[in-house]
Amino acid sequence: MTAIVVEQLTKRVRDADGWLPILDEVSFTVAPGETLAVLGASGSGKSTLLGLMAGLDLPTSGSVTIFGDDLFALDEDQRAAWRARNLGFVFQSFQLLGQMNALENVLLPLELAGAPDAEQRARTLLERVGLADRARHYPRTLSGGEQQRVALARAFVSKPRLLLADEPTGSLDAGTGERVIDLLFELNREADATLVLVTHDPVLARRCSRRLTLHAGRVATPVQGS
């Protein structure tokens, strides 16, 4: 069984000289429960790939099929509904809502989905990431590591089948980043989710079961196992 099938995925944008390729015929598959690290220098297309895999952007050509769903056969509203059912996303810059406290940030995806046990689930996840006593604190009063732990709780609270993480330690110091990554992998194992993680850090990439390297929008090396 295959969780993710990316086929001939291409993204081009117009610039002053014509069309600039961001991704160029990228293809790979990921099995259920696998952890895949996507490596590459800045500008290699890593974050663009992740955005396309989340259905947040549309490709120039190619396809992304996840759990049997062709993302680009869905319209915008259908893709949003698909994300709510299947996807958790962790960003480098946390992307917490500043006007909401930690509990409210974690609650948000559950409330949007109409989950009946939303508050209990959110509190349970905050406790799991060690922030039960910070539930009423707003992002501006939390450290970077605390904000990213809130973001992890928010990503996992909906029990996603797929987690996408874009440089999840990029805004953290080394020690804090290592603790956050330990927690991310623990939560992912508990959820039995499939993980695709974008990073420039080869040490972090080696913690994943497979690795794919992009160079200038192309797959530079085949997907490699540990």
Protein backbone atom coordinates (compact mmCIF):
# COMPACT_ATOMS: atom_id res chain seq x y z
CA MET A 1 0.00 0.00 0.00
CA THR A 2 1.18 3.54 -0.79
CA ALA A 3 0.26 6.61 1.26
CA ILE A 4 1.69 9.28 -1.07
CA VAL A 5 2.31 9.23 -4.81
CA VAL A 6 3.98 12.32 -6.31
CA GLU A 7 4.20 12.06 -10.11
CA GLN A 8 6.03 14.41 -12.48
CA LEU A 9 5.26 17.34 -10.19
CA THR A 10 6.25 20.62 -11.83
CA LYS A 11 5.85 24.21 -10.67
CA ARG A 12 6.90 27.21 -12.75
CA VAL A 13 6.43 30.91 -12.00
CA ARG A 14 6.81 33.87 -14.33
CA ASP A 15 9.72 36.26 -13.80
CA ALA A 16 11.31 39.05 -15.85
CA ASP A 17 13.06 36.52 -18.12
CA GLY A 18 10.08 34.24 -18.71
CA TRP A 19 9.19 31.11 -16.75
CA LEU A 20 11.29 30.06 -13.77
CA PRO A 21 11.14 26.37 -12.76
CA ILE A 22 10.71 25.88 -9.00
CA LEU A 23 10.04 22.14 -9.23
CA ASP A 24 10.82 20.09 -12.31
CA GLU A 25 9.16 16.69 -12.77
CA VAL A 26 9.60 15.48 -9.19
CA SER A 27 8.38 11.92 -8.55
CA PHE A 28 8.48 9.70 -5.46
CA THR A 29 6.26 7.55 -3.22
CA VAL A 30 5.90 7.19 0.54
CA ALA A 31 4.48 4.18 2.36
CA PRO A 32 2.05 4.49 5.30
CA GLY A 33 3.83 5.23 8.56
CA GLU A 34 7.13 6.11 6.91
CA THR A 35 9.18 9.18 7.81
CA LEU A 36 10.69 10.99 4.83
CA ALA A 37 13.19 13.85 5.08
CA VAL A 38 13.36 16.24 2.12
CA LEU A 39 16.82 17.84 1.97
CA GLY A 40 18.26 20.59 -0.18
CA ALA A 41 19.81 24.03 -0.16
CA SER A 42 17.75 27.19 0.16
CA GLY A 43 15.85 27.72 -3.08
CA SER A 44 15.89 24.05 -4.07
CA GLY A 45 12.09 23.80 -3.98
CA LYS A 46 11.58 22.05 -0.62
CA SER A 47 8.92 24.34 0.80
CA THR A 48 7.15 24.59 -2.56
CA LEU A 49 6.95 20.79 -2.63
CA LEU A 50 5.46 20.72 0.86
CA GLY A 51 2.89 23.39 -0.03
CA LEU A 52 1.80 21.37 -3.06
CA MET A 53 1.57 18.19 -0.98
CA ALA A 54 -0.74 20.06 1.39
CA GLY A 55 -2.91 21.28 -1.49
CA LEU A 56 -2.12 24.88 -0.52
CA ASP A 57 -0.86 25.65 -4.03
CA LEU A 58 -1.51 24.30 -7.53
CA PRO A 59 1.18 22.81 -9.77
CA THR A 60 1.93 23.73 -13.35
CA SER A 61 1.65 20.01 -14.12
CA GLY A 62 1.87 16.64 -12.41
CA SER A 63 -0.13 15.11 -9.59
CA VAL A 64 -0.14 14.39 -5.86
CA THR A 65 -2.25 11.47 -4.66
CA ILE A 66 -2.52 10.95 -0.89
CA PHE A 67 -4.44 8.05 0.63
CA GLY A 68 -6.04 7.54 -2.77
CA ASP A 69 -7.22 11.15 -3.16
CA ASP A 70 -5.97 13.13 -6.17
CA LEU A 71 -5.52 16.54 -4.52
CA PHE A 72 -5.73 18.55 -7.71
CA ALA A 73 -8.93 16.88 -8.84
CA LEU A 74 -10.53 18.59 -5.82
CA ASP A 75 -11.64 22.21 -5.80
CA GLU A 76 -10.38 24.67 -3.19
CA ASP A 77 -13.15 23.98 -0.68
CA GLN A 78 -12.77 20.23 -1.10
CA ARG A 79 -9.00 20.49 -0.52
CA ALA A 80 -9.62 22.51 2.66
CA ALA A 81 -12.01 19.81 3.89
CA TRP A 82 -9.46 17.14 2.96
CA ARG A 83 -6.76 18.93 5.00
CA ALA A 84 -9.07 19.13 8.01
CA ARG A 85 -9.65 15.37 7.87
CA ASN A 86 -6.14 14.16 7.08
CA LEU A 87 -3.37 16.68 7.61
CA GLY A 88 -1.31 18.23 10.37
CA PHE A 89 1.22 20.96 9.50
CA VAL A 90 4.15 22.30 11.55
CA PHE A 91 5.84 25.51 10.37
CA GLN A 92 9.25 27.01 11.10
CA SER A 93 7.61 30.24 12.29
CA PHE A 94 5.00 28.44 14.47
CA GLN A 95 2.01 30.23 12.82
CA LEU A 96 0.11 30.57 16.09
CA LEU A 97 -2.72 33.10 16.23
CA GLY A 98 -1.57 35.91 18.52
CA GLN A 99 -5.07 36.86 19.67
CA MET A 100 -5.66 33.31 20.96
CA ASN A 101 -4.06 31.66 23.96
CA ALA A 102 -2.32 28.28 23.78
CA LEU A 103 -5.47 26.27 24.50
CA GLU A 104 -7.50 28.22 21.94
CA ASN A 105 -4.82 27.70 19.28
CA VAL A 106 -4.91 23.94 19.85
CA LEU A 107 -8.71 23.95 20.00
CA LEU A 108 -9.13 25.74 16.68
CA PRO A 109 -8.93 22.78 14.24
CA LEU A 110 -11.26 20.74 16.45
CA GLU A 111 -13.81 23.53 16.66
CA LEU A 112 -13.69 24.01 12.89
CA ALA A 113 -14.37 20.28 12.51
CA GLY A 114 -17.19 20.37 15.08
CA ALA A 115 -15.54 17.77 17.35
CA PRO A 116 -17.77 17.20 20.39
CA ASP A 117 -14.91 16.54 22.84
CA ALA A 118 -12.72 19.38 21.58
CA GLU A 119 -11.63 21.01 24.83
CA GLN A 120 -10.70 17.74 26.55
CA ARG A 121 -8.67 16.61 23.55
CA ALA A 122 -6.89 19.96 23.36
CA ARG A 123 -6.07 19.92 27.08
CA THR A 124 -4.80 16.35 26.80
CA LEU A 125 -2.43 17.30 23.98
CA LEU A 126 -1.19 20.38 25.83
CA GLU A 127 -0.45 18.17 28.82
CA ARG A 128 1.30 15.66 26.53
CA VAL A 129 3.67 18.37 25.27
CA GLY A 130 4.31 19.61 28.82
CA LEU A 131 2.32 22.84 28.64
CA ALA A 132 -0.78 22.15 30.75
CA ASP A 133 0.18 25.04 33.03
CA ARG A 134 0.58 27.42 30.06
CA ALA A 135 -2.84 26.84 28.51
CA ARG A 136 -4.05 30.41 29.15
CA HIS A 137 -0.83 32.08 28.00
CA TYR A 138 -0.71 33.96 24.70
CA PRO A 139 2.03 33.30 22.11
CA ARG A 140 3.85 36.57 22.89
CA THR A 141 4.42 35.34 26.47
CA LEU A 142 5.77 31.93 25.40
CA SER A 143 9.34 31.06 24.44
CA GLY A 144 10.11 29.81 20.94
CA GLY A 145 10.29 26.23 22.16
CA GLU A 146 6.97 26.56 23.97
CA GLN A 147 5.33 28.06 20.88
CA GLN A 148 6.56 25.17 18.74
CA ARG A 149 5.24 22.67 21.29
CA VAL A 150 1.84 24.38 21.10
CA ALA A 151 2.12 24.09 17.30
CA LEU A 152 2.86 20.36 17.65
CA ALA A 153 -0.18 19.90 19.89
CA ARG A 154 -2.32 21.74 17.33
CA ALA A 155 -0.94 19.60 14.50
CA PHE A 156 -1.63 16.29 16.24
CA VAL A 157 -4.90 17.10 18.05
CA SER A 158 -7.00 16.15 15.01
CA LYS A 159 -5.27 12.73 14.79
CA PRO A 160 -3.91 13.35 11.28
CA ARG A 161 -2.90 10.54 8.96
CA LEU A 162 -0.19 12.77 7.46
CA LEU A 163 2.09 15.29 9.14
CA LEU A 164 4.05 17.82 7.09
CA ALA A 165 6.82 19.75 8.87
CA ASP A 166 8.67 22.65 7.25
CA GLU A 167 12.02 23.33 9.01
CA PRO A 168 10.36 22.77 12.41
CA THR A 169 13.53 23.67 14.35
CA GLY A 170 14.69 26.51 12.10
CA SER A 171 13.72 29.23 14.59
CA LEU A 172 15.05 27.42 17.68
CA ASP A 173 18.44 27.07 19.33
CA ALA A 174 20.12 23.66 19.06
CA GLY A 175 19.14 22.33 22.49
CA THR A 176 15.52 23.45 22.25
CA GLY A 177 15.30 22.19 18.68
CA GLU A 178 16.50 18.74 19.68
CA ARG A 179 13.86 18.47 22.41
CA VAL A 180 11.13 19.60 20.02
CA ILE A 181 12.21 17.02 17.43
CA ASP A 182 12.27 14.26 20.04
CA LEU A 183 8.69 15.20 20.88
CA LEU A 184 7.64 15.38 17.22
CA PHE A 185 8.88 11.85 16.54
CA GLU A 186 7.29 10.53 19.75
CA LEU A 187 3.91 12.04 18.85
CA ASN A 188 4.20 10.78 15.29
CA ARG A 189 4.87 7.21 16.46
CA GLU A 190 1.93 7.39 18.86
CA ALA A 191 -0.35 8.66 16.09
CA ASP A 192 1.02 6.10 13.57
CA ALA A 193 1.08 8.96 11.07
CA THR A 194 3.12 9.34 7.90
CA LEU A 195 5.67 12.15 8.24
CA VAL A 196 7.31 14.29 5.54
CA LEU A 197 9.84 16.68 7.02
CA VAL A 198 11.68 19.44 5.16
CA THR A 199 15.09 20.27 6.59
CA HIS A 200 18.58 21.45 5.66
CA ASP A 201 20.01 19.59 8.67
CA PRO A 202 21.56 16.21 7.74
CA VAL A 203 21.59 15.10 11.40
CA LEU A 204 17.84 15.59 11.64
CA ALA A 205 17.33 13.97 8.25
CA ARG A 206 19.10 10.80 9.41
CA ARG A 207 16.41 10.34 12.07
CA CYS A 208 13.92 9.72 9.27
CA SER A 209 13.58 6.30 7.70
CA ARG A 210 14.14 7.67 4.16
CA ARG A 211 15.69 10.76 2.59
CA LEU A 212 15.21 12.63 -0.68
CA THR A 213 17.48 15.46 -1.84
CA LEU A 214 16.34 18.27 -4.14
CA HIS A 215 18.72 20.40 -6.18
CA ALA A 216 17.38 23.30 -8.25
CA GLY A 217 13.91 21.78 -8.26
CA ARG A 218 14.94 18.29 -9.32
CA VAL A 219 15.44 15.09 -7.39
CA ALA A 220 19.24 15.05 -7.00
CA THR A 221 19.45 11.61 -5.40
CA PRO A 222 17.03 8.71 -5.27
CA VAL A 223 15.08 8.27 -2.07
CA GLN A 224 17.51 6.64 0.36
CA GLY A 225 16.81 4.52 3.41
CA SER A 226 18.62 4.60 6.74
